[in-house]
Amino acid sequence: MSRIGQSPIAVPSGVEITLDESRVIVKGSKGSLEQSIPESITITQEGDTVLVARIDDARESRSLHGLMRSLVANMVQGVTDGFTKELEIIGVGYRAAVKGSGLELQLGFSHPVLFDAPTGITFATPQPTRITITGFDKQLVGQVAADIRKLRKPEPYKGKGIRYVDERVLRKSGKSAK
């Protein structure tokens, strides 16, 4: 059984945590994040640490205990350091460019694909075949990366498409000739 929920969360200087009865708000140099708290979970702040505890030992509250601790820890890390995801584009003529606050992608279609950045997300293209997604909300950064990848998933025969930098694509052999 995991004990993630019982470890305290260290709050660095410059991060302000506001606790209500039903939500927690974390403010830092990068921005502000808000999360609702389930009724079976209590969050207390003692000095520069935050503790997450459950009211009872019911199955639902046990499962939410570690989740809420991880969500609050990710909020603290997000407003101090931020999160990044990197995607790489593989294929002849496939490339990306930053246009304003969004992305313009050439993915082998007859038209360029435009992808607007949601609030709190910034794009960078250090190379035409590499996209860096940066933001302070871990869930939003991962969702935007998944949405961009979904535009042209890597195919198993030639490996063309958009993939995460550390992703391995299982390759299939083509038809064998007689």
Protein backbone atom coordinates (compact mmCIF):
# COMPACT_ATOMS: atom_id res chain seq x y z
CA MET A 1 0.00 0.00 0.00
CA SER A 2 1.29 3.45 -0.96
CA ARG A 3 2.02 6.10 1.63
CA ILE A 4 2.22 9.09 -0.72
CA GLY A 5 -0.49 11.07 1.09
CA GLN A 6 1.29 11.02 4.43
CA SER A 7 4.47 12.83 3.39
CA PRO A 8 4.40 16.60 3.95
CA ILE A 9 4.72 19.12 1.13
CA ALA A 10 7.51 21.66 1.50
CA VAL A 11 6.42 25.17 0.53
CA PRO A 12 9.31 27.32 -0.76
CA SER A 13 9.55 31.02 -0.04
CA GLY A 14 7.56 33.15 -2.45
CA VAL A 15 4.66 30.69 -2.59
CA GLU A 16 1.43 31.64 -0.86
CA ILE A 17 -1.15 28.97 -0.04
CA THR A 18 -4.72 29.96 0.84
CA LEU A 19 -6.96 27.30 2.36
CA ASP A 20 -10.75 27.52 2.32
CA GLU A 21 -13.12 24.79 3.45
CA SER A 22 -13.68 23.55 -0.09
CA ARG A 23 -10.65 24.69 -2.10
CA VAL A 24 -6.94 25.40 -2.00
CA ILE A 25 -5.32 28.29 -3.89
CA VAL A 26 -1.57 28.33 -4.60
CA LYS A 27 0.04 31.59 -5.78
CA GLY A 28 3.63 31.96 -6.91
CA SER A 29 5.89 33.82 -9.30
CA LYS A 30 4.58 31.98 -12.40
CA GLY A 31 0.86 32.30 -11.63
CA SER A 32 -2.02 31.10 -9.51
CA LEU A 33 -3.70 27.67 -9.39
CA GLU A 34 -6.90 26.55 -7.67
CA GLN A 35 -8.13 23.06 -6.73
CA SER A 36 -11.32 21.95 -5.02
CA ILE A 37 -10.96 19.73 -1.94
CA PRO A 38 -13.23 16.70 -1.43
CA GLU A 39 -15.22 16.61 1.82
CA SER A 40 -13.34 13.53 3.07
CA ILE A 41 -9.93 15.29 2.88
CA THR A 42 -8.50 18.03 5.11
CA ILE A 43 -5.49 20.18 4.27
CA THR A 44 -3.58 22.05 6.99
CA GLN A 45 -0.64 24.42 6.78
CA GLU A 46 2.02 24.38 9.50
CA GLY A 47 4.77 26.91 8.89
CA ASP A 48 6.41 26.12 5.56
CA THR A 49 4.84 22.68 5.17
CA VAL A 50 1.39 21.52 4.06
CA LEU A 51 -0.17 18.31 5.37
CA VAL A 52 -2.97 16.38 3.66
CA ALA A 53 -5.08 14.10 5.87
CA ARG A 54 -8.26 12.08 5.50
CA ILE A 55 -11.21 12.24 7.87
CA ASP A 56 -12.11 8.54 7.86
CA ASP A 57 -10.70 5.28 6.54
CA ALA A 58 -13.32 4.69 3.82
CA ARG A 59 -12.18 3.35 0.47
CA GLU A 60 -12.96 6.57 -1.39
CA SER A 61 -11.11 8.79 1.07
CA ARG A 62 -8.09 6.46 1.04
CA SER A 63 -7.91 6.75 -2.75
CA LEU A 64 -8.36 10.54 -2.71
CA HIS A 65 -5.71 11.04 0.00
CA GLY A 66 -2.66 10.39 -2.18
CA LEU A 67 -4.29 12.07 -5.18
CA MET A 68 -4.86 15.35 -3.33
CA ARG A 69 -1.33 15.32 -1.92
CA SER A 70 0.10 14.86 -5.43
CA LEU A 71 -2.15 17.56 -6.90
CA VAL A 72 -1.13 20.12 -4.27
CA ALA A 73 2.57 19.20 -4.67
CA ASN A 74 2.25 19.64 -8.46
CA MET A 75 0.58 23.01 -7.91
CA VAL A 76 3.46 24.16 -5.70
CA GLN A 77 6.04 22.94 -8.22
CA GLY A 78 4.14 24.53 -11.10
CA VAL A 79 3.97 28.04 -9.66
CA THR A 80 7.69 27.94 -8.75
CA ASP A 81 9.41 26.04 -11.59
CA GLY A 82 6.74 25.29 -14.19
CA PHE A 83 6.40 22.23 -16.40
CA THR A 84 7.59 21.44 -19.92
CA LYS A 85 6.83 18.75 -22.47
CA GLU A 86 8.78 18.24 -25.67
CA LEU A 87 7.43 16.82 -28.91
CA GLU A 88 9.35 15.91 -32.02
CA ILE A 89 8.02 15.81 -35.56
CA ILE A 90 9.29 13.11 -37.90
CA GLY A 91 8.50 13.04 -41.61
CA VAL A 92 9.59 14.64 -44.87
CA GLY A 93 8.26 18.21 -45.00
CA TYR A 94 6.77 18.01 -41.49
CA ARG A 95 7.61 21.10 -39.43
CA ALA A 96 6.26 23.56 -36.90
CA ALA A 97 6.58 27.31 -36.42
CA VAL A 98 5.34 29.67 -33.73
CA LYS A 99 2.81 32.17 -35.13
CA GLY A 100 1.77 34.73 -32.53
CA SER A 101 0.71 32.77 -29.45
CA GLY A 102 -0.12 29.61 -31.42
CA LEU A 103 1.52 27.03 -33.64
CA GLU A 104 1.42 26.55 -37.39
CA LEU A 105 2.09 22.91 -38.28
CA GLN A 106 2.88 21.42 -41.68
CA LEU A 107 1.90 17.76 -41.30
CA GLY A 108 1.47 16.47 -44.83
CA PHE A 109 -2.08 17.73 -45.24
CA SER A 110 -3.05 20.02 -48.12
CA HIS A 111 -3.24 22.93 -45.64
CA PRO A 112 -1.29 24.11 -42.59
CA VAL A 113 -2.81 23.19 -39.24
CA LEU A 114 -3.19 26.08 -36.78
CA PHE A 115 -3.18 25.32 -33.04
CA ASP A 116 -3.98 28.16 -30.62
CA ALA A 117 -2.33 28.18 -27.20
CA PRO A 118 -4.68 28.17 -24.19
CA THR A 119 -4.15 30.72 -21.44
CA GLY A 120 -1.02 29.92 -19.42
CA ILE A 121 0.70 27.88 -22.18
CA THR A 122 3.63 29.04 -24.29
CA PHE A 123 5.14 27.32 -27.31
CA ALA A 124 8.74 27.36 -28.51
CA THR A 125 10.31 25.72 -31.55
CA PRO A 126 14.09 25.50 -31.03
CA GLN A 127 14.21 23.50 -34.29
CA PRO A 128 11.53 23.23 -36.98
CA THR A 129 10.98 19.58 -35.98
CA ARG A 130 10.82 20.09 -32.21
CA ILE A 131 8.06 21.71 -30.11
CA THR A 132 8.49 22.75 -26.48
CA ILE A 133 5.30 23.31 -24.46
CA THR A 134 5.70 25.29 -21.22
CA GLY A 135 3.22 26.22 -18.51
CA PHE A 136 2.56 26.20 -14.78
CA ASP A 137 -0.42 23.80 -14.78
CA LYS A 138 0.84 20.21 -15.17
CA GLN A 139 -2.51 18.84 -16.31
CA LEU A 140 -2.94 21.54 -18.96
CA VAL A 141 0.61 21.12 -20.32
CA GLY A 142 0.09 17.37 -20.68
CA GLN A 143 -3.34 17.82 -22.29
CA VAL A 144 -2.06 20.34 -24.85
CA ALA A 145 0.85 18.01 -25.70
CA ALA A 146 -1.60 15.12 -26.18
CA ASP A 147 -3.87 17.28 -28.36
CA ILE A 148 -0.94 18.29 -30.60
CA ARG A 149 0.26 14.67 -30.83
CA LYS A 150 -3.27 13.61 -31.79
CA LEU A 151 -3.10 15.78 -34.93
CA ARG A 152 -0.73 13.23 -36.55
CA LYS A 153 0.05 10.20 -34.39
CA PRO A 154 3.23 8.27 -35.21
CA GLU A 155 2.46 5.46 -37.60
CA PRO A 156 4.12 2.04 -37.13
CA TYR A 157 5.55 1.46 -40.62
CA LYS A 158 7.74 4.50 -41.30
CA GLY A 159 7.43 6.19 -37.89
CA LYS A 160 6.16 9.46 -39.37
CA GLY A 161 4.14 11.75 -37.13
CA ILE A 162 4.33 13.70 -33.87
CA ARG A 163 5.71 11.92 -30.82
CA TYR A 164 7.02 12.74 -27.37
CA VAL A 165 10.81 13.08 -27.24
CA ASP A 166 11.25 10.01 -25.01
CA GLU A 167 8.55 7.90 -26.76
CA ARG A 168 9.44 4.66 -28.53
CA VAL A 169 7.28 3.70 -31.49
CA LEU A 170 7.03 -0.01 -32.22
CA ARG A 171 7.87 -0.48 -35.88
CA LYS A 172 6.23 -3.12 -38.06
CA SER A 173 7.80 -4.73 -41.05
CA GLY A 174 5.99 -4.18 -44.32
CA LYS A 175 4.63 -6.88 -46.61
CA SER A 176 7.17 -9.53 -47.47
CA ALA A 177 7.61 -10.03 -51.22
CA LYS A 178 7.29 -13.50 -52.72
